[in-house]
Amino acid sequence: MPEFVLTVARFGFLILLWIFVFTVVGVIRRDLFTGGRSKSIVASPRGVGGAVLQGRPAKVKRGKAARQLVVTAGNLAGTRITLGEAPITIGRAEDSTLVITDDFASARHARLVARDGQWFVEDLGSTNGTYLDRGKVSGPTPVPLGVPIRIGRTSLELRP
C-alpha cells in the first residue's frame, strides 16, 4: 500500500508541475503577442481643478473640461480618444483601452479615472512606473490639462 501512495503522489506532483508550466507559458505568450489596436471609449469629467503636482500648485485651466486623451509621443503619436464616463486602461494587454506597444510598458500599466469632475491617473503596479510631468505616480493623482503622462517612450495629455 505505501508504494501505491508514493506512486500516486509522484503522478500528482507531475500533473501540478505541468499545470504550472502551461500557466507560465500562457502568460508569457499573452504578454508577448498582444495586438497593437486601440479602441475608442467615452468617459467625461465636468472640469479639472486645484491639482497639486510635486508639492506645488499645477497650472490648471479653469472652466475647461478634458474632452480628449491625445498621444503626443511614441508609436501611436496623434491618436485621440474621446473621454466619457468609463475609466481608460493603458498597457500592452489586448483588452486595454489604449494598447501601446512600448517595450517599457506593462500589460496593464496605468489607468485614468474620472472622479468628481477631475481625471486621476494611477499606476497599476508596473515595472517601470508611470510619470506625471517629471514626478513618479505612486497613487491616484489628479491630471491637469496639458500636463504630460509618460509611460516608457509614450507620452499622453488631456486636452479640452
N, C-alpha and C. Protein backbone atom coordinates (compact mmCIF):
# COMPACT_ATOMS: atom_id res chain seq x y z
N MET A 1 0.81 -1.21 0.00
CA MET A 1 0.00 0.00 0.00
C MET A 1 0.85 1.27 0.00
N PRO A 2 1.92 1.40 0.80
CA PRO A 2 2.73 2.62 0.79
C PRO A 2 3.35 2.88 -0.59
N GLU A 3 3.69 1.84 -1.35
CA GLU A 3 4.26 2.04 -2.67
C GLU A 3 3.21 2.65 -3.61
N PHE A 4 1.97 2.24 -3.47
CA PHE A 4 0.88 2.80 -4.27
C PHE A 4 0.68 4.29 -3.94
N VAL A 5 0.71 4.64 -2.67
CA VAL A 5 0.56 6.05 -2.25
C VAL A 5 1.71 6.88 -2.80
N LEU A 6 2.91 6.36 -2.75
CA LEU A 6 4.08 7.07 -3.28
C LEU A 6 3.96 7.29 -4.79
N THR A 7 3.47 6.31 -5.52
CA THR A 7 3.29 6.43 -6.97
C THR A 7 2.22 7.48 -7.29
N VAL A 8 1.12 7.47 -6.56
CA VAL A 8 0.06 8.47 -6.77
C VAL A 8 0.58 9.87 -6.45
N ALA A 9 1.37 10.00 -5.39
CA ALA A 9 1.94 11.31 -5.04
C ALA A 9 2.87 11.80 -6.14
N ARG A 10 3.67 10.90 -6.72
CA ARG A 10 4.58 11.30 -7.81
C ARG A 10 3.79 11.78 -9.02
N PHE A 11 2.74 11.05 -9.40
CA PHE A 11 1.93 11.48 -10.54
C PHE A 11 1.20 12.80 -10.25
N GLY A 12 0.74 12.96 -9.03
CA GLY A 12 0.07 14.22 -8.65
C GLY A 12 1.03 15.40 -8.76
N PHE A 13 2.24 15.21 -8.26
CA PHE A 13 3.25 16.27 -8.35
C PHE A 13 3.58 16.58 -9.80
N LEU A 14 3.70 15.55 -10.62
CA LEU A 14 3.99 15.74 -12.04
C LEU A 14 2.87 16.52 -12.74
N ILE A 15 1.64 16.21 -12.42
CA ILE A 15 0.49 16.93 -13.00
C ILE A 15 0.50 18.39 -12.57
N LEU A 16 0.75 18.66 -11.29
CA LEU A 16 0.83 20.05 -10.81
C LEU A 16 1.97 20.81 -11.48
N LEU A 17 3.09 20.15 -11.69
CA LEU A 17 4.23 20.79 -12.37
C LEU A 17 3.86 21.19 -13.80
N TRP A 18 3.17 20.31 -14.54
CA TRP A 18 2.78 20.62 -15.91
C TRP A 18 1.73 21.74 -15.94
N ILE A 19 0.82 21.76 -14.99
CA ILE A 19 -0.17 22.86 -14.92
C ILE A 19 0.56 24.18 -14.73
N PHE A 20 1.55 24.21 -13.85
CA PHE A 20 2.33 25.43 -13.63
C PHE A 20 3.06 25.85 -14.91
N VAL A 21 3.70 24.91 -15.61
CA VAL A 21 4.43 25.22 -16.84
C VAL A 21 3.48 25.80 -17.89
N PHE A 22 2.32 25.18 -18.09
CA PHE A 22 1.37 25.69 -19.08
C PHE A 22 0.82 27.07 -18.70
N THR A 23 0.63 27.32 -17.43
CA THR A 23 0.17 28.64 -16.98
C THR A 23 1.22 29.70 -17.28
N VAL A 24 2.47 29.42 -16.96
CA VAL A 24 3.56 30.37 -17.22
C VAL A 24 3.70 30.63 -18.72
N VAL A 25 3.66 29.60 -19.54
CA VAL A 25 3.76 29.76 -20.99
C VAL A 25 2.59 30.59 -21.52
N GLY A 26 1.40 30.36 -21.00
CA GLY A 26 0.23 31.14 -21.43
C GLY A 26 0.35 32.61 -21.09
N VAL A 27 0.84 32.93 -19.91
CA VAL A 27 1.02 34.32 -19.50
C VAL A 27 2.09 34.99 -20.37
N ILE A 28 3.18 34.32 -20.60
CA ILE A 28 4.24 34.90 -21.44
C ILE A 28 3.75 35.10 -22.87
N ARG A 29 3.03 34.12 -23.42
CA ARG A 29 2.51 34.24 -24.78
C ARG A 29 1.54 35.41 -24.89
N ARG A 30 0.64 35.54 -23.92
CA ARG A 30 -0.34 36.63 -23.94
C ARG A 30 0.36 37.98 -23.82
N ASP A 31 1.43 38.05 -23.03
CA ASP A 31 2.14 39.31 -22.85
C ASP A 31 2.95 39.69 -24.09
N LEU A 32 3.52 38.71 -24.78
CA LEU A 32 4.35 38.99 -25.95
C LEU A 32 3.55 39.23 -27.22
N PHE A 33 2.43 38.57 -27.37
CA PHE A 33 1.70 38.61 -28.63
C PHE A 33 0.39 39.37 -28.55
N THR A 34 0.36 40.47 -27.82
CA THR A 34 -0.86 41.28 -27.78
C THR A 34 -0.89 42.17 -29.00
N GLY A 35 -2.08 42.41 -29.51
CA GLY A 35 -2.24 43.24 -30.71
C GLY A 35 -2.04 44.71 -30.40
N GLY A 36 -1.68 45.50 -31.40
CA GLY A 36 -1.47 46.93 -31.23
C GLY A 36 -2.65 47.74 -31.71
N ARG A 37 -3.83 47.42 -31.26
CA ARG A 37 -5.00 48.17 -31.70
C ARG A 37 -5.54 49.00 -30.55
N SER A 38 -6.14 50.11 -30.88
CA SER A 38 -6.73 50.96 -29.85
C SER A 38 -8.22 51.03 -30.06
N LYS A 39 -8.93 51.18 -28.96
CA LYS A 39 -10.38 51.26 -29.01
C LYS A 39 -10.80 52.66 -28.62
N SER A 40 -11.95 53.06 -29.05
CA SER A 40 -12.48 54.35 -28.65
C SER A 40 -13.49 54.14 -27.55
N ILE A 41 -13.43 54.98 -26.55
CA ILE A 41 -14.42 54.89 -25.49
C ILE A 41 -14.94 56.29 -25.21
N VAL A 42 -15.90 56.34 -24.35
CA VAL A 42 -16.44 57.63 -23.97
C VAL A 42 -16.44 57.70 -22.46
N ALA A 43 -15.91 58.80 -21.85
CA ALA A 43 -15.79 58.91 -20.37
C ALA A 43 -15.99 60.33 -19.80
N SER A 44 -16.53 61.12 -19.09
CA SER A 44 -16.48 62.58 -19.08
C SER A 44 -16.44 63.23 -17.72
N PRO A 45 -15.41 63.96 -17.45
CA PRO A 45 -15.41 64.80 -16.26
C PRO A 45 -16.01 66.16 -16.61
N ARG A 46 -16.43 66.88 -15.62
CA ARG A 46 -17.03 68.18 -15.87
C ARG A 46 -16.02 69.31 -15.79
N GLY A 47 -14.87 69.08 -15.26
CA GLY A 47 -13.86 70.12 -15.17
C GLY A 47 -12.67 69.61 -14.39
N VAL A 48 -11.57 70.32 -14.45
CA VAL A 48 -10.39 69.94 -13.71
C VAL A 48 -10.02 71.09 -12.81
N GLY A 49 -9.71 70.83 -11.56
CA GLY A 49 -9.38 71.94 -10.67
C GLY A 49 -8.42 71.56 -9.58
N GLY A 50 -7.69 72.56 -9.09
CA GLY A 50 -6.88 72.51 -7.89
C GLY A 50 -5.92 71.36 -7.70
N ALA A 51 -5.31 70.83 -8.73
CA ALA A 51 -4.39 69.71 -8.57
C ALA A 51 -3.06 70.20 -8.04
N VAL A 52 -2.37 69.37 -7.27
CA VAL A 52 -1.04 69.70 -6.78
C VAL A 52 -0.08 68.68 -7.36
N LEU A 53 0.99 69.16 -7.95
CA LEU A 53 1.96 68.29 -8.60
C LEU A 53 3.32 68.53 -7.97
N GLN A 54 3.89 67.52 -7.37
CA GLN A 54 5.19 67.58 -6.70
C GLN A 54 5.25 68.72 -5.69
N GLY A 55 4.20 68.88 -4.88
CA GLY A 55 4.20 69.86 -3.82
C GLY A 55 3.95 71.29 -4.25
N ARG A 56 3.74 71.54 -5.53
CA ARG A 56 3.44 72.91 -5.98
C ARG A 56 2.12 72.89 -6.75
N PRO A 57 1.37 73.98 -6.71
CA PRO A 57 0.11 74.00 -7.44
C PRO A 57 0.35 73.86 -8.93
N ALA A 58 -0.43 73.01 -9.56
CA ALA A 58 -0.30 72.80 -11.00
C ALA A 58 -1.06 73.91 -11.74
N LYS A 59 -0.60 74.20 -12.94
CA LYS A 59 -1.31 75.17 -13.76
C LYS A 59 -2.55 74.51 -14.32
N VAL A 60 -3.70 74.96 -13.87
CA VAL A 60 -4.96 74.37 -14.28
C VAL A 60 -5.79 75.42 -14.99
N LYS A 61 -6.27 75.07 -16.18
CA LYS A 61 -7.12 75.98 -16.92
C LYS A 61 -8.54 75.81 -16.42
N ARG A 62 -9.01 76.74 -15.63
CA ARG A 62 -10.34 76.65 -15.05
C ARG A 62 -11.40 76.87 -16.12
N GLY A 63 -12.51 76.17 -15.96
CA GLY A 63 -13.63 76.34 -16.87
C GLY A 63 -13.56 75.45 -18.10
N LYS A 64 -12.44 74.79 -18.31
CA LYS A 64 -12.31 73.89 -19.45
C LYS A 64 -12.25 72.46 -18.95
N ALA A 65 -13.06 71.62 -19.54
CA ALA A 65 -13.06 70.21 -19.17
C ALA A 65 -12.25 69.42 -20.19
N ALA A 66 -11.61 68.36 -19.72
CA ALA A 66 -10.87 67.48 -20.62
C ALA A 66 -11.89 66.70 -21.44
N ARG A 67 -11.72 66.74 -22.76
CA ARG A 67 -12.63 66.01 -23.65
C ARG A 67 -11.91 64.94 -24.45
N GLN A 68 -10.57 65.02 -24.51
CA GLN A 68 -9.81 64.06 -25.30
C GLN A 68 -8.52 63.68 -24.58
N LEU A 69 -8.10 62.46 -24.83
CA LEU A 69 -6.78 61.99 -24.43
C LEU A 69 -5.99 61.88 -25.73
N VAL A 70 -4.87 62.60 -25.81
CA VAL A 70 -4.08 62.66 -27.04
C VAL A 70 -2.70 62.05 -26.78
N VAL A 71 -2.27 61.15 -27.66
CA VAL A 71 -0.92 60.60 -27.60
C VAL A 71 -0.01 61.58 -28.32
N THR A 72 0.95 62.17 -27.59
CA THR A 72 1.81 63.20 -28.16
C THR A 72 3.18 62.68 -28.59
N ALA A 73 3.60 61.52 -28.06
CA ALA A 73 4.89 60.95 -28.44
C ALA A 73 4.81 59.43 -28.34
N GLY A 74 5.59 58.75 -29.17
CA GLY A 74 5.60 57.29 -29.17
C GLY A 74 5.05 56.74 -30.47
N ASN A 75 4.87 55.43 -30.52
CA ASN A 75 4.40 54.76 -31.74
C ASN A 75 3.01 55.22 -32.18
N LEU A 76 2.17 55.58 -31.24
CA LEU A 76 0.79 55.96 -31.56
C LEU A 76 0.59 57.48 -31.56
N ALA A 77 1.64 58.25 -31.76
CA ALA A 77 1.53 59.71 -31.73
C ALA A 77 0.42 60.18 -32.66
N GLY A 78 -0.42 61.07 -32.17
CA GLY A 78 -1.54 61.58 -32.94
C GLY A 78 -2.85 60.88 -32.65
N THR A 79 -2.82 59.76 -31.95
CA THR A 79 -4.05 59.04 -31.60
C THR A 79 -4.84 59.85 -30.58
N ARG A 80 -6.15 59.93 -30.80
CA ARG A 80 -7.04 60.67 -29.90
C ARG A 80 -8.14 59.74 -29.41
N ILE A 81 -8.42 59.82 -28.10
CA ILE A 81 -9.51 59.05 -27.51
C ILE A 81 -10.48 60.05 -26.89
N THR A 82 -11.75 59.94 -27.28
CA THR A 82 -12.78 60.81 -26.71
C THR A 82 -13.10 60.33 -25.31
N LEU A 83 -13.11 61.25 -24.36
CA LEU A 83 -13.34 60.90 -22.96
C LEU A 83 -14.83 60.90 -22.66
N GLY A 84 -15.24 60.00 -21.79
CA GLY A 84 -16.61 59.90 -21.34
C GLY A 84 -16.62 59.53 -19.87
N GLU A 85 -17.45 58.57 -19.45
CA GLU A 85 -17.55 58.17 -18.06
C GLU A 85 -16.67 56.97 -17.70
N ALA A 86 -16.37 56.11 -18.64
CA ALA A 86 -15.64 54.87 -18.37
C ALA A 86 -14.16 55.15 -18.10
N PRO A 87 -13.54 54.37 -17.21
CA PRO A 87 -12.09 54.51 -17.00
C PRO A 87 -11.33 54.06 -18.24
N ILE A 88 -10.13 54.59 -18.41
CA ILE A 88 -9.29 54.27 -19.55
C ILE A 88 -8.09 53.49 -19.03
N THR A 89 -7.92 52.27 -19.53
CA THR A 89 -6.76 51.48 -19.15
C THR A 89 -5.71 51.59 -20.24
N ILE A 90 -4.45 51.64 -19.81
CA ILE A 90 -3.34 51.81 -20.74
C ILE A 90 -2.34 50.70 -20.49
N GLY A 91 -1.90 50.04 -21.56
CA GLY A 91 -0.90 48.99 -21.42
C GLY A 91 -0.77 48.18 -22.69
N ARG A 92 0.00 47.09 -22.61
CA ARG A 92 0.22 46.24 -23.77
C ARG A 92 -0.85 45.16 -23.92
N ALA A 93 -1.68 44.95 -22.91
CA ALA A 93 -2.71 43.90 -22.97
C ALA A 93 -3.74 44.24 -24.04
N GLU A 94 -4.20 43.23 -24.72
CA GLU A 94 -5.15 43.41 -25.82
C GLU A 94 -6.47 44.03 -25.36
N ASP A 95 -6.85 43.81 -24.12
CA ASP A 95 -8.12 44.34 -23.63
C ASP A 95 -8.00 45.75 -23.05
N SER A 96 -6.84 46.39 -23.18
CA SER A 96 -6.66 47.77 -22.72
C SER A 96 -7.40 48.73 -23.64
N THR A 97 -7.84 49.85 -23.10
CA THR A 97 -8.49 50.87 -23.91
C THR A 97 -7.49 51.45 -24.91
N LEU A 98 -6.30 51.78 -24.42
CA LEU A 98 -5.22 52.28 -25.28
C LEU A 98 -4.09 51.24 -25.23
N VAL A 99 -3.95 50.50 -26.32
CA VAL A 99 -2.92 49.45 -26.39
C VAL A 99 -1.65 50.08 -26.94
N ILE A 100 -0.61 50.11 -26.10
CA ILE A 100 0.66 50.67 -26.56
C ILE A 100 1.68 49.53 -26.68
N THR A 101 2.50 49.61 -27.70
CA THR A 101 3.47 48.56 -27.98
C THR A 101 4.87 48.95 -27.50
N ASP A 102 4.93 49.81 -26.53
CA ASP A 102 6.19 50.28 -25.96
C ASP A 102 6.84 49.15 -25.15
N ASP A 103 8.14 48.93 -25.36
CA ASP A 103 8.85 47.87 -24.63
C ASP A 103 8.90 48.13 -23.12
N PHE A 104 8.75 49.39 -22.71
CA PHE A 104 8.84 49.74 -21.30
C PHE A 104 7.47 49.77 -20.62
N ALA A 105 6.42 49.37 -21.32
CA ALA A 105 5.07 49.35 -20.75
C ALA A 105 4.73 47.94 -20.29
N SER A 106 3.97 47.85 -19.22
CA SER A 106 3.49 46.56 -18.71
C SER A 106 2.19 46.21 -19.42
N ALA A 107 1.74 44.98 -19.24
CA ALA A 107 0.48 44.55 -19.87
C ALA A 107 -0.68 45.43 -19.39
N ARG A 108 -0.76 45.66 -18.11
CA ARG A 108 -1.75 46.58 -17.53
C ARG A 108 -0.95 47.62 -16.75
N HIS A 109 -0.63 48.72 -17.41
CA HIS A 109 0.34 49.67 -16.88
C HIS A 109 -0.31 50.74 -16.00
N ALA A 110 -1.30 51.45 -16.54
CA ALA A 110 -1.89 52.57 -15.82
C ALA A 110 -3.37 52.69 -16.15
N ARG A 111 -4.07 53.51 -15.34
CA ARG A 111 -5.50 53.72 -15.56
C ARG A 111 -5.82 55.19 -15.31
N LEU A 112 -6.67 55.75 -16.16
CA LEU A 112 -7.21 57.10 -15.98
C LEU A 112 -8.67 56.95 -15.57
N VAL A 113 -9.04 57.62 -14.46
CA VAL A 113 -10.39 57.50 -13.91
C VAL A 113 -10.93 58.90 -13.66
N ALA A 114 -12.20 59.12 -14.02
CA ALA A 114 -12.86 60.40 -13.75
C ALA A 114 -13.57 60.30 -12.40
N ARG A 115 -13.27 61.27 -11.51
CA ARG A 115 -13.93 61.34 -10.20
C ARG A 115 -14.23 62.79 -9.87
N ASP A 116 -15.47 63.09 -9.60
CA ASP A 116 -15.88 64.44 -9.19
C ASP A 116 -15.38 65.53 -10.13
N GLY A 117 -15.47 65.30 -11.42
CA GLY A 117 -15.10 66.33 -12.39
C GLY A 117 -13.61 66.42 -12.66
N GLN A 118 -12.80 65.54 -12.11
CA GLN A 118 -11.36 65.53 -12.35
C GLN A 118 -10.95 64.18 -12.89
N TRP A 119 -9.86 64.17 -13.65
CA TRP A 119 -9.28 62.91 -14.10
C TRP A 119 -8.09 62.60 -13.22
N PHE A 120 -7.99 61.33 -12.80
CA PHE A 120 -6.90 60.87 -11.97
C PHE A 120 -6.16 59.76 -12.71
N VAL A 121 -4.82 59.77 -12.62
CA VAL A 121 -4.02 58.69 -13.18
C VAL A 121 -3.49 57.86 -12.02
N GLU A 122 -3.49 56.55 -12.20
CA GLU A 122 -2.90 55.68 -11.19
C GLU A 122 -2.11 54.57 -11.87
N ASP A 123 -0.96 54.28 -11.30
CA ASP A 123 -0.11 53.21 -11.81
C ASP A 123 -0.67 51.89 -11.29
N LEU A 124 -0.71 50.87 -12.15
CA LEU A 124 -1.28 49.57 -11.77
C LEU A 124 -0.19 48.55 -11.42
N GLY A 125 0.85 49.01 -10.74
CA GLY A 125 1.93 48.11 -10.34
C GLY A 125 2.89 47.79 -11.45
N SER A 126 3.11 48.73 -12.35
CA SER A 126 4.00 48.49 -13.49
C SER A 126 5.45 48.40 -13.02
N THR A 127 6.27 47.79 -13.85
CA THR A 127 7.68 47.62 -13.53
C THR A 127 8.45 48.94 -13.65
N ASN A 128 8.21 49.69 -14.72
CA ASN A 128 8.98 50.90 -14.99
C ASN A 128 8.32 52.18 -14.52
N GLY A 129 7.11 52.12 -14.01
CA GLY A 129 6.46 53.30 -13.45
C GLY A 129 5.74 54.16 -14.46
N THR A 130 4.87 55.00 -13.93
CA THR A 130 4.11 55.98 -14.70
C THR A 130 4.50 57.35 -14.16
N TYR A 131 4.73 58.31 -15.05
CA TYR A 131 5.19 59.63 -14.64
C TYR A 131 4.20 60.70 -15.08
N LEU A 132 3.89 61.62 -14.17
CA LEU A 132 3.07 62.78 -14.47
C LEU A 132 4.00 63.97 -14.42
N ASP A 133 4.20 64.62 -15.55
CA ASP A 133 5.22 65.65 -15.73
C ASP A 133 6.56 64.99 -15.42
N ARG A 134 7.25 65.39 -14.35
CA ARG A 134 8.54 64.77 -14.03
C ARG A 134 8.47 63.90 -12.78
N GLY A 135 7.30 63.81 -12.15
CA GLY A 135 7.16 63.05 -10.91
C GLY A 135 6.55 61.68 -11.13
N LYS A 136 7.06 60.71 -10.38
CA LYS A 136 6.55 59.35 -10.47
C LYS A 136 5.21 59.26 -9.74
N VAL A 137 4.23 58.60 -10.37
CA VAL A 137 2.90 58.44 -9.81
C VAL A 137 2.93 57.27 -8.83
N SER A 138 2.54 57.53 -7.57
CA SER A 138 2.56 56.46 -6.57
C SER A 138 1.16 56.08 -6.11
N GLY A 139 0.17 56.89 -6.42
CA GLY A 139 -1.22 56.62 -6.07
C GLY A 139 -2.10 57.41 -7.02
N PRO A 140 -3.41 57.40 -6.83
CA PRO A 140 -4.28 58.20 -7.70
C PRO A 140 -3.88 59.68 -7.63
N THR A 141 -3.51 60.24 -8.77
CA THR A 141 -3.00 61.61 -8.84
C THR A 141 -3.82 62.40 -9.85
N PRO A 142 -4.30 63.62 -9.47
CA PRO A 142 -5.07 64.43 -10.42
C PRO A 142 -4.21 64.85 -11.61
N VAL A 143 -4.82 64.85 -12.80
CA VAL A 143 -4.10 65.20 -14.03
C VAL A 143 -4.66 66.50 -14.58
N PRO A 144 -3.89 67.59 -14.53
CA PRO A 144 -4.32 68.85 -15.13
C PRO A 144 -4.25 68.78 -16.65
N LEU A 145 -4.97 69.66 -17.33
CA LEU A 145 -4.94 69.73 -18.79
C LEU A 145 -3.54 70.07 -19.26
N GLY A 146 -3.07 69.40 -20.32
CA GLY A 146 -1.80 69.73 -20.95
C GLY A 146 -0.57 69.21 -20.25
N VAL A 147 -0.70 68.54 -19.10
CA VAL A 147 0.46 68.01 -18.40
C VAL A 147 0.72 66.60 -18.92
N PRO A 148 1.96 66.32 -19.37
CA PRO A 148 2.24 65.01 -19.98
C PRO A 148 2.23 63.86 -18.97
N ILE A 149 1.65 62.75 -19.40
CA ILE A 149 1.71 61.48 -18.67
C ILE A 149 2.66 60.61 -19.49
N ARG A 150 3.74 60.13 -18.86
CA ARG A 150 4.73 59.34 -19.60
C ARG A 150 4.70 57.89 -19.16
N ILE A 151 4.62 57.01 -20.14
CA ILE A 151 4.72 55.56 -19.93
C ILE A 151 5.78 55.08 -20.91
N GLY A 152 6.98 54.84 -20.42
CA GLY A 152 8.10 54.48 -21.30
C GLY A 152 8.39 55.62 -22.26
N ARG A 153 8.35 55.34 -23.56
CA ARG A 153 8.59 56.37 -24.58
C ARG A 153 7.30 57.02 -25.06
N THR A 154 6.18 56.59 -24.52
CA THR A 154 4.88 57.12 -24.92
C THR A 154 4.48 58.24 -23.98
N SER A 155 4.00 59.33 -24.55
CA SER A 155 3.55 60.48 -23.78
C SER A 155 2.11 60.80 -24.16
N LEU A 156 1.27 61.09 -23.13
CA LEU A 156 -0.16 61.36 -23.32
C LEU A 156 -0.50 62.68 -22.63
N GLU A 157 -1.54 63.35 -23.12
CA GLU A 157 -2.03 64.58 -22.49
C GLU A 157 -3.54 64.62 -22.54
N LEU A 158 -4.14 65.23 -21.53
CA LEU A 158 -5.57 65.52 -21.56
C LEU A 158 -5.73 66.87 -22.25
N ARG A 159 -6.68 66.96 -23.16
CA ARG A 159 -6.92 68.19 -23.89
C ARG A 159 -8.41 68.55 -23.84
N PRO A 160 -8.73 69.85 -23.91
CA PRO A 160 -10.14 70.27 -23.91
C PRO A 160 -10.84 69.92 -25.21
